[in-house]
C-alpha cells in the first residue's frame, strides 16, 4: 500500500522508494519537490516566505532559502547526490487583492523568484513548474517515479 505523508506549512518530509508526499492549501506558499531518481529519494518542502532574514530562526522550512538548503543537506545525508537532484515547484498564487504598493499582495511572486534563485545557486535543475495565478493548489509527489500532480478546485488535475 502506498504510504501518504502530509507536509504541513513550514514543514518538510522525505520518503525513499515508495510513498507519496502531499501538501494542501498552496496559495502564495510554494511546494518544492526535490528528487534523486537513482536512489528514488523524494522530498517536499512547503515554504511560506522568500528569505530568512534573522539568524537563528527555529523554523528553516518556512523560508525558501534555508528550507531548500536544509532539505538538500538532509537528502545528501540519505545518499542523494547534488548532481542528480531535480526540482518541480507549485504555488506562488496571488490570493488577495491588496491596495497600494504593499509587498503583501506580491508575496507569491516574491516566493517564486526566491525559489528560482536558490535552486539556481544550489545547482538544482528545475524540470517543471505550475506557479502564479489566483487559485490554491494541492500538490502530490510520488517517490516511486518522481511524478507530481496538482489538484485545484474546479480544474482538471495537472501532471507536474
N, C-alpha and C. Protein backbone atom coordinates (compact mmCIF):
# COMPACT_ATOMS: atom_id res chain seq x y z
N UNK A 1 0.83 -1.18 0.00
CA UNK A 1 0.00 0.00 0.00
C UNK A 1 0.88 1.25 0.00
N UNK A 2 0.48 2.23 -0.78
CA UNK A 2 1.23 3.46 -0.93
C UNK A 2 1.07 4.33 0.32
N UNK A 3 2.18 4.58 0.98
CA UNK A 3 2.16 5.43 2.17
C UNK A 3 2.04 6.89 1.74
N UNK A 4 1.15 7.64 2.42
CA UNK A 4 1.00 9.06 2.15
C UNK A 4 1.45 9.84 3.38
N UNK A 5 2.38 10.76 3.14
CA UNK A 5 2.86 11.62 4.23
C UNK A 5 2.42 13.04 3.93
N UNK A 6 1.80 13.67 4.91
CA UNK A 6 1.35 15.05 4.74
C UNK A 6 2.44 16.01 5.18
N UNK A 7 2.73 16.96 4.30
CA UNK A 7 3.71 18.01 4.57
C UNK A 7 2.92 19.26 4.96
N UNK A 8 3.12 19.72 6.18
CA UNK A 8 2.42 20.90 6.65
C UNK A 8 3.08 22.18 6.17
N UNK A 9 2.52 23.30 6.56
CA UNK A 9 3.11 24.60 6.23
C UNK A 9 4.39 24.76 7.04
N UNK A 10 5.45 25.25 6.38
CA UNK A 10 6.76 25.42 7.01
C UNK A 10 7.31 24.07 7.48
N UNK A 11 7.12 23.05 6.66
CA UNK A 11 7.45 21.67 7.01
C UNK A 11 8.15 21.01 5.82
N UNK A 12 8.84 19.90 6.09
CA UNK A 12 9.47 19.10 5.05
C UNK A 12 9.35 17.64 5.45
N UNK A 13 9.10 16.80 4.45
CA UNK A 13 9.11 15.35 4.66
C UNK A 13 9.88 14.72 3.50
N UNK A 14 10.42 13.53 3.77
CA UNK A 14 11.19 12.78 2.80
C UNK A 14 10.71 11.34 2.80
N UNK A 15 10.74 10.70 1.63
CA UNK A 15 10.40 9.29 1.54
C UNK A 15 11.28 8.66 0.47
N UNK A 16 11.67 7.41 0.71
CA UNK A 16 12.58 6.71 -0.20
C UNK A 16 11.89 5.48 -0.77
N UNK A 17 11.97 5.33 -2.09
CA UNK A 17 11.45 4.13 -2.75
C UNK A 17 10.00 4.20 -3.10
N UNK A 18 9.14 4.09 -2.11
CA UNK A 18 7.68 4.11 -2.32
C UNK A 18 7.07 5.12 -1.37
N UNK A 19 5.98 5.70 -1.80
CA UNK A 19 5.25 6.63 -0.95
C UNK A 19 4.93 7.92 -1.67
N UNK A 20 3.94 8.61 -1.16
CA UNK A 20 3.50 9.86 -1.75
C UNK A 20 3.55 10.95 -0.71
N UNK A 21 4.13 12.08 -1.09
CA UNK A 21 4.14 13.27 -0.26
C UNK A 21 3.02 14.17 -0.74
N UNK A 22 2.28 14.77 0.18
CA UNK A 22 1.16 15.62 -0.19
C UNK A 22 1.13 16.86 0.69
N UNK A 23 0.87 18.01 0.07
CA UNK A 23 0.66 19.23 0.84
C UNK A 23 -0.56 19.94 0.30
N UNK A 24 -1.26 20.60 1.20
CA UNK A 24 -2.53 21.24 0.88
C UNK A 24 -2.40 22.75 0.98
N UNK A 25 -3.34 23.44 0.36
CA UNK A 25 -3.50 24.89 0.53
C UNK A 25 -2.28 25.69 0.12
N UNK A 26 -1.69 25.35 -1.02
CA UNK A 26 -0.62 26.17 -1.55
C UNK A 26 -1.26 27.38 -2.23
N UNK A 27 -1.31 28.49 -1.51
CA UNK A 27 -1.77 29.75 -2.08
C UNK A 27 -0.53 30.50 -2.53
N UNK A 28 -0.12 31.49 -1.75
CA UNK A 28 1.13 32.20 -2.06
C UNK A 28 2.35 31.39 -1.67
N UNK A 29 2.15 30.36 -0.84
CA UNK A 29 3.24 29.45 -0.47
C UNK A 29 3.67 28.64 -1.70
N UNK A 30 4.83 28.02 -1.60
CA UNK A 30 5.32 27.17 -2.69
C UNK A 30 5.69 25.81 -2.13
N UNK A 31 5.26 24.78 -2.85
CA UNK A 31 5.68 23.42 -2.58
C UNK A 31 6.83 23.09 -3.51
N UNK A 32 7.93 22.66 -2.94
CA UNK A 32 9.13 22.34 -3.72
C UNK A 32 9.37 20.84 -3.60
N UNK A 33 9.32 20.15 -4.75
CA UNK A 33 9.58 18.71 -4.81
C UNK A 33 11.00 18.52 -5.29
N UNK A 34 11.81 17.84 -4.51
CA UNK A 34 13.19 17.53 -4.87
C UNK A 34 13.32 16.02 -4.98
N UNK A 35 14.05 15.56 -6.02
CA UNK A 35 14.06 14.13 -6.32
C UNK A 35 15.41 13.69 -6.86
N UNK A 36 15.91 12.57 -6.31
CA UNK A 36 17.09 11.89 -6.86
C UNK A 36 16.60 10.56 -7.41
N UNK A 37 16.50 10.41 -8.75
CA UNK A 37 15.93 9.20 -9.33
C UNK A 37 16.77 7.95 -9.11
N UNK A 38 18.09 8.10 -8.94
CA UNK A 38 18.95 6.92 -8.77
C UNK A 38 18.65 6.18 -7.47
N UNK A 39 18.35 6.92 -6.42
CA UNK A 39 18.04 6.29 -5.13
C UNK A 39 16.56 6.41 -4.78
N UNK A 40 15.78 6.97 -5.71
CA UNK A 40 14.33 7.17 -5.54
C UNK A 40 14.03 7.84 -4.20
N UNK A 41 14.75 8.91 -3.95
CA UNK A 41 14.56 9.70 -2.74
C UNK A 41 13.81 10.97 -3.11
N UNK A 42 12.63 11.14 -2.51
CA UNK A 42 11.79 12.30 -2.77
C UNK A 42 11.65 13.11 -1.50
N UNK A 43 11.70 14.42 -1.66
CA UNK A 43 11.48 15.34 -0.54
C UNK A 43 10.54 16.44 -1.00
N UNK A 44 9.72 16.91 -0.08
CA UNK A 44 8.86 18.05 -0.36
C UNK A 44 8.95 19.02 0.80
N UNK A 45 9.15 20.29 0.47
CA UNK A 45 9.17 21.35 1.48
C UNK A 45 8.11 22.37 1.10
N UNK A 46 7.35 22.84 2.10
CA UNK A 46 6.27 23.80 1.91
C UNK A 46 6.72 25.12 2.53
N UNK A 47 7.20 26.04 1.68
CA UNK A 47 7.72 27.31 2.19
C UNK A 47 6.64 28.39 2.17
N UNK A 48 6.77 29.34 3.08
CA UNK A 48 5.81 30.45 3.19
C UNK A 48 6.37 31.77 2.70
N UNK A 49 7.66 31.99 2.95
CA UNK A 49 8.28 33.29 2.70
C UNK A 49 9.58 33.14 1.93
N UNK A 50 9.99 34.21 1.22
CA UNK A 50 11.16 34.09 0.35
C UNK A 50 12.51 33.95 1.06
N UNK A 51 12.75 34.74 2.09
CA UNK A 51 14.08 34.77 2.69
C UNK A 51 14.03 34.78 4.21
N UNK A 52 14.95 34.06 4.81
CA UNK A 52 15.12 34.04 6.25
C UNK A 52 16.07 35.18 6.60
N UNK A 53 15.51 36.26 7.13
CA UNK A 53 16.31 37.46 7.39
C UNK A 53 16.91 37.50 8.80
N UNK A 54 16.55 36.55 9.65
CA UNK A 54 17.04 36.55 11.02
C UNK A 54 17.88 35.32 11.28
N UNK A 55 19.05 35.52 11.82
CA UNK A 55 19.89 34.38 12.20
C UNK A 55 19.24 33.64 13.36
N UNK A 56 19.36 32.33 13.35
CA UNK A 56 18.90 31.54 14.47
C UNK A 56 17.41 31.24 14.51
N UNK A 57 16.69 31.51 13.44
CA UNK A 57 15.26 31.16 13.43
C UNK A 57 15.12 29.66 13.56
N UNK A 58 14.12 29.25 14.29
CA UNK A 58 13.96 27.83 14.58
C UNK A 58 13.15 27.07 13.54
N UNK A 59 12.64 27.75 12.53
CA UNK A 59 11.84 27.07 11.51
C UNK A 59 12.42 27.34 10.12
N UNK A 60 13.54 26.69 9.78
CA UNK A 60 14.16 26.96 8.47
C UNK A 60 13.27 26.60 7.29
N UNK A 61 12.34 25.66 7.46
CA UNK A 61 11.49 25.23 6.34
C UNK A 61 10.44 26.26 5.97
N UNK A 62 10.31 27.30 6.77
CA UNK A 62 9.35 28.36 6.49
C UNK A 62 9.81 29.25 5.33
N UNK A 63 11.10 29.24 5.04
CA UNK A 63 11.71 30.17 4.09
C UNK A 63 12.33 29.43 2.91
N UNK A 64 12.25 30.04 1.72
CA UNK A 64 12.78 29.40 0.51
C UNK A 64 14.28 29.12 0.64
N UNK A 65 15.04 30.10 1.08
CA UNK A 65 16.49 29.92 1.09
C UNK A 65 16.94 28.84 2.08
N UNK A 66 16.55 28.96 3.33
CA UNK A 66 17.00 27.99 4.32
C UNK A 66 16.27 26.66 4.18
N UNK A 67 15.02 26.68 3.73
CA UNK A 67 14.26 25.44 3.56
C UNK A 67 14.84 24.54 2.48
N UNK A 68 15.16 25.14 1.35
CA UNK A 68 15.74 24.35 0.24
C UNK A 68 17.12 23.83 0.64
N UNK A 69 17.95 24.68 1.21
CA UNK A 69 19.31 24.26 1.59
C UNK A 69 19.29 23.14 2.64
N UNK A 70 18.43 23.26 3.64
CA UNK A 70 18.36 22.23 4.68
C UNK A 70 17.81 20.92 4.10
N UNK A 71 16.86 21.00 3.19
CA UNK A 71 16.32 19.79 2.56
C UNK A 71 17.40 19.10 1.74
N UNK A 72 18.16 19.86 0.98
CA UNK A 72 19.26 19.28 0.19
C UNK A 72 20.28 18.60 1.11
N UNK A 73 20.60 19.25 2.22
CA UNK A 73 21.56 18.67 3.17
C UNK A 73 21.06 17.33 3.70
N UNK A 74 19.77 17.28 4.05
CA UNK A 74 19.21 16.03 4.57
C UNK A 74 19.11 14.96 3.49
N UNK A 75 18.83 15.36 2.25
CA UNK A 75 18.79 14.38 1.15
C UNK A 75 20.18 13.79 0.92
N UNK A 76 21.20 14.63 0.93
CA UNK A 76 22.57 14.14 0.74
C UNK A 76 22.96 13.20 1.87
N UNK A 77 22.50 13.44 3.06
CA UNK A 77 22.77 12.55 4.19
C UNK A 77 22.11 11.18 4.00
N UNK A 78 21.06 11.13 3.16
CA UNK A 78 20.36 9.87 2.86
C UNK A 78 20.86 9.22 1.57
N UNK A 79 21.94 9.73 1.00
CA UNK A 79 22.53 9.10 -0.17
C UNK A 79 22.28 9.78 -1.51
N UNK A 80 21.55 10.89 -1.52
CA UNK A 80 21.31 11.62 -2.78
C UNK A 80 22.59 12.36 -3.17
N UNK A 81 22.77 12.52 -4.47
CA UNK A 81 23.90 13.30 -4.99
C UNK A 81 23.37 14.58 -5.62
N UNK A 82 24.00 15.69 -5.30
CA UNK A 82 23.55 17.01 -5.76
C UNK A 82 23.38 17.06 -7.28
N UNK A 83 24.27 16.45 -8.01
CA UNK A 83 24.21 16.48 -9.47
C UNK A 83 23.02 15.73 -10.06
N UNK A 84 22.40 14.86 -9.29
CA UNK A 84 21.24 14.09 -9.78
C UNK A 84 19.90 14.68 -9.34
N UNK A 85 19.92 15.52 -8.33
CA UNK A 85 18.67 16.04 -7.77
C UNK A 85 18.04 17.03 -8.73
N UNK A 86 16.73 16.86 -8.96
CA UNK A 86 15.96 17.78 -9.78
C UNK A 86 14.81 18.34 -8.94
N UNK A 87 14.19 19.40 -9.46
CA UNK A 87 13.11 20.06 -8.73
C UNK A 87 11.88 20.26 -9.60
N UNK A 88 10.73 20.26 -8.94
CA UNK A 88 9.45 20.66 -9.51
C UNK A 88 8.79 21.52 -8.45
N UNK A 89 8.13 22.60 -8.88
CA UNK A 89 7.53 23.50 -7.90
C UNK A 89 6.10 23.87 -8.29
N UNK A 90 5.31 24.21 -7.28
CA UNK A 90 3.93 24.66 -7.50
C UNK A 90 3.55 25.65 -6.41
N UNK A 91 2.67 26.59 -6.77
CA UNK A 91 2.18 27.57 -5.81
C UNK A 91 2.49 28.98 -6.26
N UNK A 92 2.69 29.85 -5.30
CA UNK A 92 3.04 31.24 -5.60
C UNK A 92 1.89 32.05 -6.19
N UNK A 93 0.66 31.69 -5.83
CA UNK A 93 -0.50 32.40 -6.36
C UNK A 93 -0.69 33.75 -5.68
N UNK A 94 -1.40 34.63 -6.37
CA UNK A 94 -1.82 35.90 -5.78
C UNK A 94 -3.23 35.68 -5.27
N UNK A 95 -3.34 35.47 -3.98
CA UNK A 95 -4.61 35.06 -3.38
C UNK A 95 -5.51 36.23 -3.01
N UNK A 96 -4.96 37.42 -2.82
CA UNK A 96 -5.76 38.55 -2.37
C UNK A 96 -5.34 39.80 -3.12
N UNK A 97 -6.31 40.66 -3.37
CA UNK A 97 -6.02 41.98 -3.92
C UNK A 97 -5.70 42.90 -2.75
N UNK A 98 -4.52 43.50 -2.78
CA UNK A 98 -4.12 44.40 -1.72
C UNK A 98 -3.87 45.76 -2.35
N UNK A 99 -4.50 46.79 -1.80
CA UNK A 99 -4.35 48.13 -2.34
C UNK A 99 -2.97 48.70 -2.08
N UNK A 100 -2.62 49.69 -2.86
CA UNK A 100 -1.34 50.37 -2.67
C UNK A 100 -0.19 49.55 -3.23
N UNK A 101 1.01 49.91 -2.82
CA UNK A 101 2.21 49.23 -3.30
C UNK A 101 2.76 48.27 -2.26
N UNK A 102 1.90 47.78 -1.38
CA UNK A 102 2.36 46.89 -0.32
C UNK A 102 2.94 45.60 -0.87
N UNK A 103 3.93 45.06 -0.17
CA UNK A 103 4.57 43.83 -0.61
C UNK A 103 3.74 42.59 -0.30
N UNK A 104 2.74 42.72 0.58
CA UNK A 104 1.93 41.58 0.96
C UNK A 104 1.24 40.95 -0.25
N UNK A 105 0.70 41.77 -1.13
CA UNK A 105 0.00 41.26 -2.30
C UNK A 105 0.91 40.54 -3.28
N UNK A 106 2.20 40.85 -3.23
CA UNK A 106 3.16 40.27 -4.17
C UNK A 106 3.96 39.12 -3.56
N UNK A 107 3.55 38.61 -2.42
CA UNK A 107 4.35 37.58 -1.74
C UNK A 107 4.49 36.32 -2.58
N UNK A 108 3.45 35.93 -3.30
CA UNK A 108 3.54 34.75 -4.16
C UNK A 108 4.62 34.92 -5.21
N UNK A 109 4.65 36.07 -5.88
CA UNK A 109 5.66 36.33 -6.90
C UNK A 109 7.05 36.39 -6.29
N UNK A 110 7.17 37.00 -5.12
CA UNK A 110 8.47 37.06 -4.45
C UNK A 110 8.95 35.65 -4.06
N UNK A 111 8.01 34.79 -3.64
CA UNK A 111 8.37 33.40 -3.34
C UNK A 111 8.88 32.69 -4.59
N UNK A 112 8.19 32.87 -5.71
CA UNK A 112 8.61 32.23 -6.96
C UNK A 112 10.03 32.66 -7.32
N UNK A 113 10.28 33.95 -7.28
CA UNK A 113 11.61 34.48 -7.64
C UNK A 113 12.69 33.96 -6.71
N UNK A 114 12.39 33.89 -5.42
CA UNK A 114 13.36 33.40 -4.45
C UNK A 114 13.67 31.92 -4.67
N UNK A 115 12.63 31.11 -4.90
CA UNK A 115 12.84 29.68 -5.16
C UNK A 115 13.70 29.49 -6.41
N UNK A 116 13.39 30.21 -7.48
CA UNK A 116 14.20 30.13 -8.70
C UNK A 116 15.66 30.45 -8.41
N UNK A 117 15.88 31.54 -7.66
CA UNK A 117 17.24 31.99 -7.36
C UNK A 117 18.01 30.95 -6.53
N UNK A 118 17.36 30.42 -5.50
CA UNK A 118 18.04 29.46 -4.62
C UNK A 118 18.34 28.16 -5.38
N UNK A 119 17.39 27.66 -6.16
CA UNK A 119 17.64 26.43 -6.93
C UNK A 119 18.82 26.63 -7.88
N UNK A 120 18.85 27.76 -8.55
CA UNK A 120 19.96 28.05 -9.48
C UNK A 120 21.29 28.11 -8.73
N UNK A 121 21.30 28.82 -7.61
CA UNK A 121 22.52 28.97 -6.82
C UNK A 121 23.02 27.62 -6.30
N UNK A 122 22.08 26.73 -5.95
CA UNK A 122 22.44 25.41 -5.42
C UNK A 122 22.71 24.38 -6.52
N UNK A 123 22.57 24.78 -7.79
CA UNK A 123 22.85 23.88 -8.90
C UNK A 123 21.79 22.81 -9.13
N UNK A 124 20.54 23.12 -8.76
CA UNK A 124 19.44 22.16 -8.91
C UNK A 124 18.63 22.52 -10.15
N UNK A 125 18.45 21.56 -11.04
CA UNK A 125 17.72 21.78 -12.28
C UNK A 125 16.22 21.75 -12.02
N UNK A 126 15.53 22.82 -12.44
CA UNK A 126 14.08 22.92 -12.31
C UNK A 126 13.46 22.32 -13.56
N UNK A 127 12.76 21.18 -13.39
CA UNK A 127 12.18 20.48 -14.53
C UNK A 127 10.82 21.04 -14.94
N UNK A 128 9.97 21.33 -13.96
CA UNK A 128 8.61 21.80 -14.26
C UNK A 128 8.14 22.70 -13.15
N UNK A 129 7.19 23.57 -13.51
CA UNK A 129 6.57 24.42 -12.51
C UNK A 129 5.14 24.74 -12.91
N UNK A 130 4.32 24.94 -11.90
CA UNK A 130 2.93 25.37 -12.06
C UNK A 130 2.76 26.44 -10.99
N UNK A 131 3.05 27.69 -11.37
CA UNK A 131 3.11 28.78 -10.40
C UNK A 131 2.27 29.97 -10.85
N UNK A 132 2.03 30.86 -9.89
CA UNK A 132 1.28 32.07 -10.18
C UNK A 132 -0.21 31.81 -10.18
N UNK A 133 -0.93 32.66 -10.88
CA UNK A 133 -2.38 32.52 -10.94
C UNK A 133 -3.04 33.02 -9.67
N UNK A 134 -4.30 32.58 -9.48
CA UNK A 134 -5.07 33.08 -8.33
C UNK A 134 -5.79 31.96 -7.58
N UNK A 135 -5.39 30.71 -7.80
CA UNK A 135 -6.07 29.60 -7.11
C UNK A 135 -5.10 28.84 -6.22
N UNK A 136 -5.64 28.29 -5.14
CA UNK A 136 -4.86 27.44 -4.24
C UNK A 136 -4.70 26.06 -4.89
N UNK A 137 -3.63 25.38 -4.53
CA UNK A 137 -3.33 24.08 -5.11
C UNK A 137 -3.04 23.06 -4.01
N UNK A 138 -3.36 21.80 -4.33
CA UNK A 138 -2.91 20.65 -3.55
C UNK A 138 -1.85 19.98 -4.40
N UNK A 139 -0.70 19.65 -3.81
CA UNK A 139 0.42 19.07 -4.54
C UNK A 139 0.72 17.69 -3.99
N UNK A 140 0.82 16.71 -4.90
CA UNK A 140 1.19 15.33 -4.55
C UNK A 140 2.47 15.00 -5.30
N UNK A 141 3.35 14.22 -4.66
CA UNK A 141 4.63 13.86 -5.27
C UNK A 141 4.94 12.41 -4.95
N UNK A 142 5.16 11.61 -5.99
CA UNK A 142 5.33 10.16 -5.89
C UNK A 142 6.82 9.80 -5.89
N UNK A 143 7.27 9.15 -4.83
CA UNK A 143 8.68 8.78 -4.70
C UNK A 143 9.08 7.67 -5.67
N UNK A 144 8.14 6.86 -6.10
CA UNK A 144 8.47 5.74 -7.00
C UNK A 144 8.92 6.22 -8.36
N UNK A 145 8.36 7.34 -8.84
CA UNK A 145 8.70 7.78 -10.20
C UNK A 145 8.98 9.27 -10.33
N UNK A 146 8.92 10.03 -9.24
CA UNK A 146 9.22 11.45 -9.29
C UNK A 146 8.14 12.29 -9.95
N UNK A 147 6.95 11.73 -10.10
CA UNK A 147 5.88 12.46 -10.75
C UNK A 147 5.10 13.30 -9.74
N UNK A 148 4.82 14.52 -10.12
CA UNK A 148 3.99 15.40 -9.31
C UNK A 148 2.62 15.53 -9.94
N UNK A 149 1.63 15.80 -9.10
CA UNK A 149 0.27 16.07 -9.58
C UNK A 149 -0.28 17.24 -8.79
N UNK A 150 -1.03 18.08 -9.48
CA UNK A 150 -1.62 19.26 -8.85
C UNK A 150 -3.12 19.20 -9.01
N UNK A 151 -3.80 19.43 -7.89
CA UNK A 151 -5.26 19.50 -7.90
C UNK A 151 -5.69 20.89 -7.44
N UNK A 152 -6.60 21.47 -8.20
CA UNK A 152 -7.18 22.76 -7.85
C UNK A 152 -8.68 22.67 -8.02
N UNK A 153 -9.40 23.36 -7.17
CA UNK A 153 -10.85 23.32 -7.20
C UNK A 153 -11.39 23.74 -8.57
N UNK A 154 -12.24 22.88 -9.16
CA UNK A 154 -12.89 23.21 -10.42
C UNK A 154 -12.01 23.12 -11.65
N UNK A 155 -10.83 22.52 -11.52
CA UNK A 155 -9.90 22.42 -12.65
C UNK A 155 -9.45 20.98 -12.80
N UNK A 156 -9.08 20.58 -14.03
CA UNK A 156 -8.56 19.22 -14.20
C UNK A 156 -7.20 19.07 -13.53
N UNK A 157 -6.88 17.84 -13.12
CA UNK A 157 -5.59 17.57 -12.50
C UNK A 157 -4.47 17.83 -13.49
N UNK A 158 -3.37 18.41 -13.00
CA UNK A 158 -2.21 18.75 -13.83
C UNK A 158 -1.07 17.83 -13.42
N UNK A 159 -0.39 17.23 -14.40
CA UNK A 159 0.80 16.43 -14.13
C UNK A 159 1.99 17.38 -14.10
N UNK A 160 2.77 17.25 -13.05
CA UNK A 160 3.93 18.14 -12.88
C UNK A 160 5.19 17.35 -13.12
